[in-house]
Amino acid sequence: MASTARATAQKRVPKGKVKSHELEHESGRLIYSYEFVVPGKSGIDEVNVDAMTGAVVDVTHESPKTEKHEAEKEKKETTTTH
């Protein structure tokens, strides 16, 4: 399913290169989250694909500032839960 989810996400950002990906729980569902770097575009495009259905559930663009804030937030959450 992961390779299918990646192909689905890639279709939403055809010129992007996967920067990172993870399987995570978000809003009560299990999703594959893919972050893409797009040549000539700052920040990242994030595509979330439902791990059970294979449907795209969210596509967002994060500016470099937003991306930095998200990374700090995730680091904090990881630190406090372990």
PDB file of N, CA and C in Angstrom:
ATOM      1  N   MET A   1       0.821  -1.205   0.000  1.00  0.00           N
ATOM      2  CA  MET A   1       0.000   0.000   0.000  1.00  0.00           C
ATOM      3  C   MET A   1       0.861   1.263   0.000  1.00  0.00           C
ATOM      4  N   ALA A   2       2.039   1.206   0.637  1.00  0.00           N
ATOM      5  CA  ALA A   2       2.898   2.393   0.718  1.00  0.00           C
ATOM      6  C   ALA A   2       3.326   2.865  -0.670  1.00  0.00           C
ATOM      7  N   SER A   3       3.663   1.934  -1.564  1.00  0.00           N
ATOM      8  CA  SER A   3       4.091   2.348  -2.903  1.00  0.00           C
ATOM      9  C   SER A   3       2.927   2.950  -3.682  1.00  0.00           C
ATOM     10  N   THR A   4       1.732   2.436  -3.482  1.00  0.00           N
ATOM     11  CA  THR A   4       0.541   2.993  -4.132  1.00  0.00           C
ATOM     12  C   THR A   4       0.255   4.389  -3.589  1.00  0.00           C
ATOM     13  N   ALA A   5       0.380   4.554  -2.269  1.00  0.00           N
ATOM     14  CA  ALA A   5       0.154   5.863  -1.647  1.00  0.00           C
ATOM     15  C   ALA A   5       1.169   6.876  -2.165  1.00  0.00           C
ATOM     16  N   ARG A   6       2.411   6.444  -2.306  1.00  0.00           N
ATOM     17  CA  ARG A   6       3.445   7.357  -2.807  1.00  0.00           C
ATOM     18  C   ARG A   6       3.130   7.777  -4.247  1.00  0.00           C
ATOM     19  N   ALA A   7       2.727   6.838  -5.071  1.00  0.00           N
ATOM     20  CA  ALA A   7       2.383   7.155  -6.465  1.00  0.00           C
ATOM     21  C   ALA A   7       1.193   8.114  -6.517  1.00  0.00           C
ATOM     22  N   THR A   8       0.222   7.903  -5.643  1.00  0.00           N
ATOM     23  CA  THR A   8      -0.949   8.786  -5.573  1.00  0.00           C
ATOM     24  C   THR A   8      -0.518  10.194  -5.178  1.00  0.00           C
ATOM     25  N   ALA A   9       0.344  10.296  -4.174  1.00  0.00           N
ATOM     26  CA  ALA A   9       0.831  11.603  -3.719  1.00  0.00           C
ATOM     27  C   ALA A   9       1.642  12.277  -4.820  1.00  0.00           C
ATOM     28  N   GLN A  10       2.475  11.502  -5.505  1.00  0.00           N
ATOM     29  CA  GLN A  10       3.327  12.060  -6.559  1.00  0.00           C
ATOM     30  C   GLN A  10       2.490  12.658  -7.689  1.00  0.00           C
ATOM     31  N   LYS A  11       1.337  12.071  -7.973  1.00  0.00           N
ATOM     32  CA  LYS A  11       0.458  12.611  -9.018  1.00  0.00           C
ATOM     33  C   LYS A  11      -0.022  14.017  -8.671  1.00  0.00           C
ATOM     34  N   ARG A  12      -0.141  14.309  -7.372  1.00  0.00           N
ATOM     35  CA  ARG A  12      -0.605  15.635  -6.940  1.00  0.00           C
ATOM     36  C   ARG A  12       0.501  16.685  -7.021  1.00  0.00           C
ATOM     37  N   VAL A  13       1.768  16.224  -6.987  1.00  0.00           N
ATOM     38  CA  VAL A  13       2.922  17.123  -7.079  1.00  0.00           C
ATOM     39  C   VAL A  13       3.886  16.515  -8.102  1.00  0.00           C
ATOM     40  N   PRO A  14       3.509  16.517  -9.374  1.00  0.00           N
ATOM     41  CA  PRO A  14       4.265  15.770 -10.387  1.00  0.00           C
ATOM     42  C   PRO A  14       5.726  16.190 -10.573  1.00  0.00           C
ATOM     43  N   LYS A  15       6.046  17.451 -10.320  1.00  0.00           N
ATOM     44  CA  LYS A  15       7.428  17.908 -10.495  1.00  0.00           C
ATOM     45  C   LYS A  15       8.218  17.875  -9.189  1.00  0.00           C
ATOM     46  N   GLY A  16       7.587  17.411  -8.109  1.00  0.00           N
ATOM     47  CA  GLY A  16       8.233  17.410  -6.800  1.00  0.00           C
ATOM     48  C   GLY A  16       9.090  16.175  -6.558  1.00  0.00           C
ATOM     49  N   LYS A  17      10.044  16.339  -5.661  1.00  0.00           N
ATOM     50  CA  LYS A  17      10.902  15.238  -5.227  1.00  0.00           C
ATOM     51  C   LYS A  17      10.608  15.003  -3.740  1.00  0.00           C
ATOM     52  N   VAL A  18      10.367  13.742  -3.364  1.00  0.00           N
ATOM     53  CA  VAL A  18      10.036  13.443  -1.969  1.00  0.00           C
ATOM     54  C   VAL A  18      11.210  13.810  -1.068  1.00  0.00           C
ATOM     55  N   LYS A  19      10.937  14.678  -0.110  1.00  0.00           N
ATOM     56  CA  LYS A  19      11.937  15.094   0.880  1.00  0.00           C
ATOM     57  C   LYS A  19      11.879  14.163   2.083  1.00  0.00           C
ATOM     58  N   SER A  20      10.653  13.831   2.511  1.00  0.00           N
ATOM     59  CA  SER A  20      10.470  12.919   3.639  1.00  0.00           C
ATOM     60  C   SER A  20       9.073  12.328   3.570  1.00  0.00           C
ATOM     61  N   HIS A  21       8.897  11.248   4.293  1.00  0.00           N
ATOM     62  CA  HIS A  21       7.569  10.637   4.382  1.00  0.00           C
ATOM     63  C   HIS A  21       7.461   9.883   5.696  1.00  0.00           C
ATOM     64  N   GLU A  22       6.231   9.710   6.147  1.00  0.00           N
ATOM     65  CA  GLU A  22       6.006   8.964   7.381  1.00  0.00           C
ATOM     66  C   GLU A  22       4.577   8.447   7.418  1.00  0.00           C
ATOM     67  N   LEU A  23       4.386   7.430   8.223  1.00  0.00           N
ATOM     68  CA  LEU A  23       3.069   6.881   8.499  1.00  0.00           C
ATOM     69  C   LEU A  23       2.691   7.399   9.871  1.00  0.00           C
ATOM     70  N   GLU A  24       1.539   8.069   9.962  1.00  0.00           N
ATOM     71  CA  GLU A  24       1.177   8.689  11.235  1.00  0.00           C
ATOM     72  C   GLU A  24      -0.333   8.707  11.442  1.00  0.00           C
ATOM     73  N   HIS A  25      -0.716   8.880  12.704  1.00  0.00           N
ATOM     74  CA  HIS A  25      -2.129   9.075  13.047  1.00  0.00           C
ATOM     75  C   HIS A  25      -2.387  10.568  13.050  1.00  0.00           C
ATOM     76  N   GLU A  26      -3.421  10.981  12.333  1.00  0.00           N
ATOM     77  CA  GLU A  26      -3.789  12.390  12.309  1.00  0.00           C
ATOM     78  C   GLU A  26      -5.304  12.493  12.179  1.00  0.00           C
ATOM     79  N   SER A  27      -5.893  13.259  13.052  1.00  0.00           N
ATOM     80  CA  SER A  27      -7.354  13.469  13.035  1.00  0.00           C
ATOM     81  C   SER A  27      -8.118  12.156  13.038  1.00  0.00           C
ATOM     82  N   GLY A  28      -7.649  11.189  13.825  1.00  0.00           N
ATOM     83  CA  GLY A  28      -8.358   9.927  13.977  1.00  0.00           C
ATOM     84  C   GLY A  28      -8.174   8.932  12.859  1.00  0.00           C
ATOM     85  N   ARG A  29      -7.258   9.202  11.937  1.00  0.00           N
ATOM     86  CA  ARG A  29      -7.033   8.250  10.850  1.00  0.00           C
ATOM     87  C   ARG A  29      -5.545   8.015  10.653  1.00  0.00           C
ATOM     88  N   LEU A  30      -5.222   6.880  10.066  1.00  0.00           N
ATOM     89  CA  LEU A  30      -3.848   6.527   9.756  1.00  0.00           C
ATOM     90  C   LEU A  30      -3.551   7.037   8.350  1.00  0.00           C
ATOM     91  N   ILE A  31      -2.509   7.867   8.219  1.00  0.00           N
ATOM     92  CA  ILE A  31      -2.186   8.445   6.920  1.00  0.00           C
ATOM     93  C   ILE A  31      -0.708   8.286   6.592  1.00  0.00           C
ATOM     94  N   TYR A  32      -0.439   8.276   5.304  1.00  0.00           N
ATOM     95  CA  TYR A  32       0.921   8.443   4.813  1.00  0.00           C
ATOM     96  C   TYR A  32       1.062   9.927   4.514  1.00  0.00           C
ATOM     97  N   SER A  33       2.101  10.536   5.057  1.00  0.00           N
ATOM     98  CA  SER A  33       2.352  11.951   4.847  1.00  0.00           C
ATOM     99  C   SER A  33       3.635  12.095   4.032  1.00  0.00           C
ATOM    100  N   TYR A  34       3.536  12.751   2.877  1.00  0.00           N
ATOM    101  CA  TYR A  34       4.682  12.956   1.992  1.00  0.00           C
ATOM    102  C   TYR A  34       4.971  14.435   1.872  1.00  0.00           C
ATOM    103  N   GLU A  35       6.241  14.809   2.043  1.00  0.00           N
ATOM    104  CA  GLU A  35       6.675  16.184   1.859  1.00  0.00           C
ATOM    105  C   GLU A  35       7.508  16.241   0.586  1.00  0.00           C
ATOM    106  N   PHE A  36       7.138  17.148  -0.309  1.00  0.00           N
ATOM    107  CA  PHE A  36       7.812  17.296  -1.598  1.00  0.00           C
ATOM    108  C   PHE A  36       8.509  18.646  -1.695  1.00  0.00           C
ATOM    109  N   VAL A  37       9.698  18.635  -2.286  1.00  0.00           N
ATOM    110  CA  VAL A  37      10.394  19.856  -2.661  1.00  0.00           C
ATOM    111  C   VAL A  37      10.160  20.024  -4.159  1.00  0.00           C
ATOM    112  N   VAL A  38       9.726  21.213  -4.548  1.00  0.00           N
ATOM    113  CA  VAL A  38       9.438  21.480  -5.949  1.00  0.00           C
ATOM    114  C   VAL A  38      10.457  22.484  -6.473  1.00  0.00           C
ATOM    115  N   PRO A  39      11.175  22.142  -7.553  1.00  0.00           N
ATOM    116  CA  PRO A  39      12.164  23.071  -8.114  1.00  0.00           C
ATOM    117  C   PRO A  39      11.538  24.424  -8.442  1.00  0.00           C
ATOM    118  N   GLY A  40      12.215  25.491  -8.020  1.00  0.00           N
ATOM    119  CA  GLY A  40      11.740  26.839  -8.300  1.00  0.00           C
ATOM    120  C   GLY A  40      10.663  27.343  -7.364  1.00  0.00           C
ATOM    121  N   LYS A  41      10.332  26.559  -6.349  1.00  0.00           N
ATOM    122  CA  LYS A  41       9.277  26.938  -5.405  1.00  0.00           C
ATOM    123  C   LYS A  41       9.834  26.807  -3.983  1.00  0.00           C
ATOM    124  N   SER A  42       9.664  27.836  -3.169  1.00  0.00           N
ATOM    125  CA  SER A  42      10.173  27.757  -1.796  1.00  0.00           C
ATOM    126  C   SER A  42       9.212  26.953  -0.923  1.00  0.00           C
ATOM    127  N   GLY A  43       9.731  26.426   0.159  1.00  0.00           N
ATOM    128  CA  GLY A  43       8.916  25.641   1.080  1.00  0.00           C
ATOM    129  C   GLY A  43       8.693  24.237   0.567  1.00  0.00           C
ATOM    130  N   ILE A  44       7.648  23.597   1.085  1.00  0.00           N
ATOM    131  CA  ILE A  44       7.333  22.225   0.695  1.00  0.00           C
ATOM    132  C   ILE A  44       5.849  22.087   0.394  1.00  0.00           C
ATOM    133  N   ASP A  45       5.538  21.088  -0.410  1.00  0.00           N
ATOM    134  CA  ASP A  45       4.147  20.696  -0.629  1.00  0.00           C
ATOM    135  C   ASP A  45       3.946  19.386   0.113  1.00  0.00           C
ATOM    136  N   GLU A  46       2.938  19.335   0.969  1.00  0.00           N
ATOM    137  CA  GLU A  46       2.654  18.132   1.750  1.00  0.00           C
ATOM    138  C   GLU A  46       1.372  17.495   1.237  1.00  0.00           C
ATOM    139  N   VAL A  47       1.447  16.182   1.009  1.00  0.00           N
ATOM    140  CA  VAL A  47       0.290  15.428   0.556  1.00  0.00           C
ATOM    141  C   VAL A  47       0.047  14.311   1.563  1.00  0.00           C
ATOM    142  N   ASN A  48      -1.188  14.238   2.083  1.00  0.00           N
ATOM    143  CA  ASN A  48      -1.570  13.188   3.020  1.00  0.00           C
ATOM    144  C   ASN A  48      -2.519  12.224   2.318  1.00  0.00           C
ATOM    145  N   VAL A  49      -2.196  10.920   2.428  1.00  0.00           N
ATOM    146  CA  VAL A  49      -2.980   9.881   1.776  1.00  0.00           C
ATOM    147  C   VAL A  49      -3.483   8.921   2.845  1.00  0.00           C
ATOM    148  N   ASP A  50      -4.786   8.659   2.860  1.00  0.00           N
ATOM    149  CA  ASP A  50      -5.385   7.737   3.818  1.00  0.00           C
ATOM    150  C   ASP A  50      -4.767   6.352   3.615  1.00  0.00           C
ATOM    151  N   ALA A  51      -4.207   5.780   4.672  1.00  0.00           N
ATOM    152  CA  ALA A  51      -3.521   4.493   4.582  1.00  0.00           C
ATOM    153  C   ALA A  51      -4.471   3.328   4.345  1.00  0.00           C
ATOM    154  N   MET A  52      -5.733   3.496   4.675  1.00  0.00           N
ATOM    155  CA  MET A  52      -6.700   2.413   4.506  1.00  0.00           C
ATOM    156  C   MET A  52      -7.388   2.451   3.135  1.00  0.00           C
ATOM    157  N   THR A  53      -7.697   3.653   2.650  1.00  0.00           N
ATOM    158  CA  THR A  53      -8.458   3.761   1.404  1.00  0.00           C
ATOM    159  C   THR A  53      -7.617   4.159   0.198  1.00  0.00           C
ATOM    160  N   GLY A  54      -6.472   4.775   0.450  1.00  0.00           N
ATOM    161  CA  GLY A  54      -5.626   5.246  -0.642  1.00  0.00           C
ATOM    162  C   GLY A  54      -6.057   6.590  -1.205  1.00  0.00           C
ATOM    163  N   ALA A  55      -7.045   7.215  -0.579  1.00  0.00           N
ATOM    164  CA  ALA A  55      -7.546   8.509  -1.049  1.00  0.00           C
ATOM    165  C   ALA A  55      -6.694   9.653  -0.503  1.00  0.00           C
ATOM    166  N   VAL A  56      -6.499  10.671  -1.327  1.00  0.00           N
ATOM    167  CA  VAL A  56      -5.809  11.879  -0.866  1.00  0.00           C
ATOM    168  C   VAL A  56      -6.751  12.613   0.076  1.00  0.00           C
ATOM    169  N   VAL A  57      -6.272  12.911   1.287  1.00  0.00           N
ATOM    170  CA  VAL A  57      -7.122  13.592   2.263  1.00  0.00           C
ATOM    171  C   VAL A  57      -6.745  15.056   2.462  1.00  0.00           C
ATOM    172  N   ASP A  58      -5.524  15.435   2.036  1.00  0.00           N
ATOM    173  CA  ASP A  58      -5.108  16.816   2.227  1.00  0.00           C
ATOM    174  C   ASP A  58      -3.879  17.110   1.375  1.00  0.00           C
ATOM    175  N   VAL A  59      -3.850  18.297   0.793  1.00  0.00           N
ATOM    176  CA  VAL A  59      -2.682  18.796   0.059  1.00  0.00           C
ATOM    177  C   VAL A  59      -2.469  20.223   0.529  1.00  0.00           C
ATOM    178  N   THR A  60      -1.296  20.505   1.063  1.00  0.00           N
ATOM    179  CA  THR A  60      -1.018  21.852   1.548  1.00  0.00           C
ATOM    180  C   THR A  60       0.380  22.285   1.122  1.00  0.00           C
ATOM    181  N   HIS A  61       0.578  23.587   1.092  1.00  0.00           N
ATOM    182  CA  HIS A  61       1.900  24.160   0.849  1.00  0.00           C
ATOM    183  C   HIS A  61       2.354  24.830   2.141  1.00  0.00           C
ATOM    184  N   GLU A  62       3.574  24.530   2.544  1.00  0.00           N
ATOM    185  CA  GLU A  62       4.129  25.169   3.736  1.00  0.00           C
ATOM    186  C   GLU A  62       5.304  26.033   3.322  1.00  0.00           C
ATOM    187  N   SER A  63       5.255  27.291   3.708  1.00  0.00           N
ATOM    188  CA  SER A  63       6.372  28.193   3.449  1.00  0.00           C
ATOM    189  C   SER A  63       7.551  27.751   4.318  1.00  0.00           C
ATOM    190  N   PRO A  64       8.764  28.213   4.021  1.00  0.00           N
ATOM    191  CA  PRO A  64       9.907  27.853   4.869  1.00  0.00           C
ATOM    192  C   PRO A  64       9.670  28.192   6.343  1.00  0.00           C
ATOM    193  N   LYS A  65       9.007  29.319   6.615  1.00  0.00           N
ATOM    194  CA  LYS A  65       8.730  29.719   8.003  1.00  0.00           C
ATOM    195  C   LYS A  65       7.763  28.732   8.654  1.00  0.00           C
ATOM    196  N   THR A  66       6.698  28.379   7.955  1.00  0.00           N
ATOM    197  CA  THR A  66       5.716  27.433   8.485  1.00  0.00           C
ATOM    198  C   THR A  66       6.343  26.061   8.677  1.00  0.00           C
ATOM    199  N   GLU A  67       7.172  25.649   7.721  1.00  0.00           N
ATOM    200  CA  GLU A  67       7.845  24.356   7.802  1.00  0.00           C
ATOM    201  C   GLU A  67       8.739  24.289   9.048  1.00  0.00           C
ATOM    202  N   LYS A  68       9.465  25.364   9.322  1.00  0.00           N
ATOM    203  CA  LYS A  68      10.335  25.413  10.501  1.00  0.00           C
ATOM    204  C   LYS A  68       9.500  25.307  11.772  1.00  0.00           C
ATOM    205  N   HIS A  69       8.392  26.028  11.816  1.00  0.00           N
ATOM    206  CA  HIS A  69       7.499  26.001  12.980  1.00  0.00           C
ATOM    207  C   HIS A  69       6.950  24.585  13.202  1.00  0.00           C
ATOM    208  N   GLU A  70       6.517  23.925  12.115  1.00  0.00           N
ATOM    209  CA  GLU A  70       6.001  22.546  12.203  1.00  0.00           C
ATOM    210  C   GLU A  70       7.058  21.596  12.739  1.00  0.00           C
ATOM    211  N   ALA A  71       8.299  21.728  12.258  1.00  0.00           N
ATOM    212  CA  ALA A  71       9.387  20.858  12.698  1.00  0.00           C
ATOM    213  C   ALA A  71       9.651  21.039  14.192  1.00  0.00           C
ATOM    214  N   GLU A  72       9.626  22.283  14.654  1.00  0.00           N
ATOM    215  CA  GLU A  72       9.837  22.555  16.081  1.00  0.00           C
ATOM    216  C   GLU A  72       8.696  21.968  16.911  1.00  0.00           C
ATOM    217  N   LYS A  73       7.477  22.093  16.434  1.00  0.00           N
ATOM    218  CA  LYS A  73       6.308  21.563  17.135  1.00  0.00           C
ATOM    219  C   LYS A  73       6.392  20.036  17.234  1.00  0.00           C
ATOM    220  N   GLU A  74       6.730  19.377  16.137  1.00  0.00           N
ATOM    221  CA  GLU A  74       6.852  17.917  16.141  1.00  0.00           C
ATOM    222  C   GLU A  74       7.969  17.454  17.068  1.00  0.00           C
ATOM    223  N   LYS A  75       9.068  18.184  17.077  1.00  0.00           N
ATOM    224  CA  LYS A  75      10.193  17.836  17.954  1.00  0.00           C
ATOM    225  C   LYS A  75       9.769  17.922  19.416  1.00  0.00           C
ATOM    226  N   LYS A  76       9.018  18.965  19.741  1.00  0.00           N
ATOM    227  CA  LYS A  76       8.517  19.153  21.102  1.00  0.00           C
ATOM    228  C   LYS A  76       7.579  18.015  21.499  1.00  0.00           C
ATOM    229  N   GLU A  77       6.676  17.654  20.589  1.00  0.00           N
ATOM    230  CA  GLU A  77       5.724  16.575  20.856  1.00  0.00           C
ATOM    231  C   GLU A  77       6.436  15.241  21.045  1.00  0.00           C
ATOM    232  N   THR A  78       7.438  14.988  20.258  1.00  0.00           N
ATOM    233  CA  THR A  78       8.221  13.746  20.375  1.00  0.00           C
ATOM    234  C   THR A  78       8.962  13.715  21.703  1.00  0.00           C
ATOM    235  N   THR A  79       9.529  14.838  22.087  1.00  0.00           N
ATOM    236  CA  THR A  79      10.284  14.918  23.330  1.00  0.00           C
ATOM    237  C   THR A  79       9.390  14.699  24.543  1.00  0.00           C
ATOM    238  N   THR A  80       8.190  15.258  24.523  1.00  0.00           N
ATOM    239  CA  THR A  80       7.302  15.164  25.677  1.00  0.00           C
ATOM    240  C   THR A  80       6.601  13.807  25.774  1.00  0.00           C
ATOM    241  N   THR A  81       6.513  13.057  24.669  1.00  0.00           N
ATOM    242  CA  THR A  81       5.836  11.766  24.709  1.00  0.00           C
ATOM    243  C   THR A  81       6.779  10.610  24.971  1.00  0.00           C
ATOM    244  N   HIS A  82       8.063  10.854  24.937  1.00  0.00           N
ATOM    245  CA  HIS A  82       9.021   9.758  25.183  1.00  0.00           C
ATOM    246  C   HIS A  82       9.715   9.901  26.495  1.00  0.00           C
TER     247      HIS A  82
END
